[in-house]
Amino acid sequence: MFSTARNHKPIMKGDQPMAFKSKNYIFRKSYHYLDHETALELACIIEYTSAEIKDRESQSVDPLEYDSREVSLFELPKDVAKRVISDKKFRVEFPISCSKVKELRNESNLFDIGIEKLEE
């Protein structure tokens, strides 16, 4: 029932585990269609927390850092712009480590974070 993954921490009552709690982190960029020329770009660092208590699991999602801005659809890569226009939104997510979260939170501009920075 209880996971032994590295990011899981037991919640103890005496010497018996009562629950396990895990945290995962995601860097997300999303684009939302506003009009025929403009999209809303959202960049954020998100913490997903899940806890297993006996047979129940609870989850929470908390944004740690985020920013948004309007961008021209013509400035986006063509494939991204096409997806935003056709689907009215486009999202890409990258799992990141806790140490990477600390590093990215020191960045002055979340929009300048690219895949190269996430893979370092």
C-alpha atoms as a PDB file:
ATOM      1  CA  MET A   1       0.000   0.000   0.000  1.00  0.00           C
ATOM      2  CA  PHE A   2       2.753   2.465   0.892  1.00  0.00           C
ATOM      3  CA  SER A   3       5.227   3.553  -1.738  1.00  0.00           C
ATOM      4  CA  THR A   4       8.944   3.456  -1.056  1.00  0.00           C
ATOM      5  CA  ALA A   5       9.867   6.042  -3.717  1.00  0.00           C
ATOM      6  CA  ARG A   6      12.622   8.463  -2.730  1.00  0.00           C
ATOM      7  CA  ASN A   7      10.366  11.501  -2.704  1.00  0.00           C
ATOM      8  CA  HIS A   8       7.886   9.830  -0.324  1.00  0.00           C
ATOM      9  CA  LYS A   9       8.187  10.706   3.365  1.00  0.00           C
ATOM     10  CA  PRO A  10       6.382   8.699   6.025  1.00  0.00           C
ATOM     11  CA  ILE A  11       4.134  10.470   8.512  1.00  0.00           C
ATOM     12  CA  MET A  12       4.673   8.542  11.729  1.00  0.00           C
ATOM     13  CA  LYS A  13       2.580   7.883  14.823  1.00  0.00           C
ATOM     14  CA  GLY A  14       5.010   6.417  17.281  1.00  0.00           C
ATOM     15  CA  ASP A  15       6.975   3.877  15.256  1.00  0.00           C
ATOM     16  CA  GLN A  16       4.117   3.051  12.844  1.00  0.00           C
ATOM     17  CA  PRO A  17       3.710   4.768   9.470  1.00  0.00           C
ATOM     18  CA  MET A  18       0.283   6.422   9.251  1.00  0.00           C
ATOM     19  CA  ALA A  19       0.694   7.944   5.806  1.00  0.00           C
ATOM     20  CA  PHE A  20       3.166   8.753   3.081  1.00  0.00           C
ATOM     21  CA  LYS A  21       3.556  12.152   1.497  1.00  0.00           C
ATOM     22  CA  SER A  22       5.298  12.929  -1.801  1.00  0.00           C
ATOM     23  CA  LYS A  23       6.143  16.124  -3.646  1.00  0.00           C
ATOM     24  CA  ASN A  24       6.800  16.489  -7.352  1.00  0.00           C
ATOM     25  CA  TYR A  25       7.668  19.635  -9.257  1.00  0.00           C
ATOM     26  CA  ILE A  26       6.766  20.772 -12.775  1.00  0.00           C
ATOM     27  CA  PHE A  27       7.836  23.712 -14.912  1.00  0.00           C
ATOM     28  CA  ARG A  28       4.931  24.576 -17.211  1.00  0.00           C
ATOM     29  CA  LYS A  29       4.512  26.957 -20.114  1.00  0.00           C
ATOM     30  CA  SER A  30       1.068  27.352 -21.583  1.00  0.00           C
ATOM     31  CA  TYR A  31      -0.463  29.503 -24.272  1.00  0.00           C
ATOM     32  CA  HIS A  32      -4.134  30.475 -24.406  1.00  0.00           C
ATOM     33  CA  TYR A  33      -5.811  31.943 -27.480  1.00  0.00           C
ATOM     34  CA  LEU A  34      -7.116  35.492 -26.996  1.00  0.00           C
ATOM     35  CA  ASP A  35      -7.819  36.671 -30.544  1.00  0.00           C
ATOM     36  CA  HIS A  36      -6.595  36.197 -34.125  1.00  0.00           C
ATOM     37  CA  GLU A  37      -3.287  37.943 -33.304  1.00  0.00           C
ATOM     38  CA  THR A  38      -2.720  37.445 -29.578  1.00  0.00           C
ATOM     39  CA  ALA A  39      -2.223  34.688 -27.006  1.00  0.00           C
ATOM     40  CA  LEU A  40      -1.696  34.708 -23.255  1.00  0.00           C
ATOM     41  CA  GLU A  41       1.571  33.048 -22.230  1.00  0.00           C
ATOM     42  CA  LEU A  42       1.749  31.625 -18.720  1.00  0.00           C
ATOM     43  CA  ALA A  43       4.978  30.328 -17.189  1.00  0.00           C
ATOM     44  CA  CYS A  44       4.934  28.691 -13.769  1.00  0.00           C
ATOM     45  CA  ILE A  45       6.670  26.392 -11.328  1.00  0.00           C
ATOM     46  CA  ILE A  46       4.180  24.034  -9.708  1.00  0.00           C
ATOM     47  CA  GLU A  47       4.408  21.763  -6.671  1.00  0.00           C
ATOM     48  CA  TYR A  48       2.214  18.655  -6.699  1.00  0.00           C
ATOM     49  CA  THR A  49       1.752  17.113  -3.261  1.00  0.00           C
ATOM     50  CA  SER A  50       0.046  13.797  -2.693  1.00  0.00           C
ATOM     51  CA  ALA A  51      -0.553  12.001   0.570  1.00  0.00           C
ATOM     52  CA  GLU A  52      -1.590   8.404   1.094  1.00  0.00           C
ATOM     53  CA  ILE A  53      -3.482   7.891   4.320  1.00  0.00           C
ATOM     54  CA  LYS A  54      -4.563   4.299   4.815  1.00  0.00           C
ATOM     55  CA  ASP A  55      -6.630   3.575   1.682  1.00  0.00           C
ATOM     56  CA  ARG A  56      -7.245   7.213   0.711  1.00  0.00           C
ATOM     57  CA  GLU A  57      -5.122   9.515  -1.402  1.00  0.00           C
ATOM     58  CA  SER A  58      -5.303  13.301  -1.400  1.00  0.00           C
ATOM     59  CA  GLN A  59      -3.590  15.658  -3.811  1.00  0.00           C
ATOM     60  CA  SER A  60      -2.905  19.369  -3.961  1.00  0.00           C
ATOM     61  CA  VAL A  61      -1.419  21.617  -6.618  1.00  0.00           C
ATOM     62  CA  ASP A  62       0.326  24.815  -5.588  1.00  0.00           C
ATOM     63  CA  PRO A  63       1.959  27.373  -7.895  1.00  0.00           C
ATOM     64  CA  LEU A  64       5.311  28.423  -6.401  1.00  0.00           C
ATOM     65  CA  GLU A  65       6.172  31.072  -9.012  1.00  0.00           C
ATOM     66  CA  TYR A  66       4.185  32.281 -12.006  1.00  0.00           C
ATOM     67  CA  ASP A  67       3.933  35.084 -14.504  1.00  0.00           C
ATOM     68  CA  SER A  68       1.806  35.873 -17.542  1.00  0.00           C
ATOM     69  CA  ARG A  69       2.004  38.165 -20.528  1.00  0.00           C
ATOM     70  CA  GLU A  70       0.334  38.754 -23.865  1.00  0.00           C
ATOM     71  CA  VAL A  71       2.327  37.621 -26.905  1.00  0.00           C
ATOM     72  CA  SER A  72       1.774  37.935 -30.623  1.00  0.00           C
ATOM     73  CA  LEU A  73       0.888  34.664 -32.339  1.00  0.00           C
ATOM     74  CA  PHE A  74       3.292  35.712 -35.089  1.00  0.00           C
ATOM     75  CA  GLU A  75       6.222  35.673 -32.624  1.00  0.00           C
ATOM     76  CA  LEU A  76       5.592  32.071 -31.552  1.00  0.00           C
ATOM     77  CA  PRO A  77       7.110  29.099 -33.382  1.00  0.00           C
ATOM     78  CA  LYS A  78       4.773  28.148 -36.243  1.00  0.00           C
ATOM     79  CA  ASP A  79       3.842  24.734 -34.819  1.00  0.00           C
ATOM     80  CA  VAL A  80       2.957  26.247 -31.426  1.00  0.00           C
ATOM     81  CA  ALA A  81       0.928  29.060 -32.988  1.00  0.00           C
ATOM     82  CA  LYS A  82      -1.028  26.562 -35.115  1.00  0.00           C
ATOM     83  CA  ARG A  83      -1.877  24.482 -32.018  1.00  0.00           C
ATOM     84  CA  VAL A  84      -2.945  27.566 -30.072  1.00  0.00           C
ATOM     85  CA  ILE A  85      -5.210  28.674 -32.924  1.00  0.00           C
ATOM     86  CA  SER A  86      -6.730  25.240 -33.541  1.00  0.00           C
ATOM     87  CA  ASP A  87      -7.027  23.982 -29.936  1.00  0.00           C
ATOM     88  CA  LYS A  88      -7.374  27.423 -28.268  1.00  0.00           C
ATOM     89  CA  LYS A  89      -4.550  26.406 -25.918  1.00  0.00           C
ATOM     90  CA  PHE A  90      -1.193  24.664 -25.839  1.00  0.00           C
ATOM     91  CA  ARG A  91       0.745  23.401 -22.832  1.00  0.00           C
ATOM     92  CA  VAL A  92       4.162  21.879 -22.299  1.00  0.00           C
ATOM     93  CA  GLU A  93       5.414  20.536 -18.957  1.00  0.00           C
ATOM     94  CA  PHE A  94       8.811  19.459 -17.686  1.00  0.00           C
ATOM     95  CA  PRO A  95       9.345  17.493 -14.462  1.00  0.00           C
ATOM     96  CA  ILE A  96      12.068  19.162 -12.377  1.00  0.00           C
ATOM     97  CA  SER A  97      13.947  18.355  -9.185  1.00  0.00           C
ATOM     98  CA  CYS A  98      13.708  20.221  -5.891  1.00  0.00           C
ATOM     99  CA  SER A  99      17.202  21.663  -6.428  1.00  0.00           C
ATOM    100  CA  LYS A 100      16.174  22.868  -9.898  1.00  0.00           C
ATOM    101  CA  VAL A 101      13.128  24.584  -8.323  1.00  0.00           C
ATOM    102  CA  LYS A 102      15.434  26.553  -6.038  1.00  0.00           C
ATOM    103  CA  GLU A 103      17.618  27.533  -8.992  1.00  0.00           C
ATOM    104  CA  LEU A 104      14.676  28.572 -11.199  1.00  0.00           C
ATOM    105  CA  ARG A 105      13.054  30.613  -8.429  1.00  0.00           C
ATOM    106  CA  ASN A 106      16.131  32.853  -8.533  1.00  0.00           C
ATOM    107  CA  GLU A 107      15.595  33.579 -12.232  1.00  0.00           C
ATOM    108  CA  SER A 108      14.382  37.099 -12.922  1.00  0.00           C
ATOM    109  CA  ASN A 109      12.208  36.093 -15.899  1.00  0.00           C
ATOM    110  CA  LEU A 110      10.366  32.765 -16.128  1.00  0.00           C
ATOM    111  CA  PHE A 111       9.690  33.368 -19.835  1.00  0.00           C
ATOM    112  CA  ASP A 112      13.408  33.135 -20.662  1.00  0.00           C
ATOM    113  CA  ILE A 113      13.705  29.624 -19.222  1.00  0.00           C
ATOM    114  CA  GLY A 114      14.157  27.180 -22.065  1.00  0.00           C
ATOM    115  CA  ILE A 115      14.528  23.431 -22.319  1.00  0.00           C
ATOM    116  CA  GLU A 116      18.327  23.785 -22.193  1.00  0.00           C
ATOM    117  CA  LYS A 117      18.101  25.353 -18.736  1.00  0.00           C
ATOM    118  CA  LEU A 118      15.736  22.625 -17.530  1.00  0.00           C
ATOM    119  CA  GLU A 119      18.018  19.827 -18.714  1.00  0.00           C
ATOM    120  CA  GLU A 120      21.195  21.159 -17.035  1.00  0.00           C
END
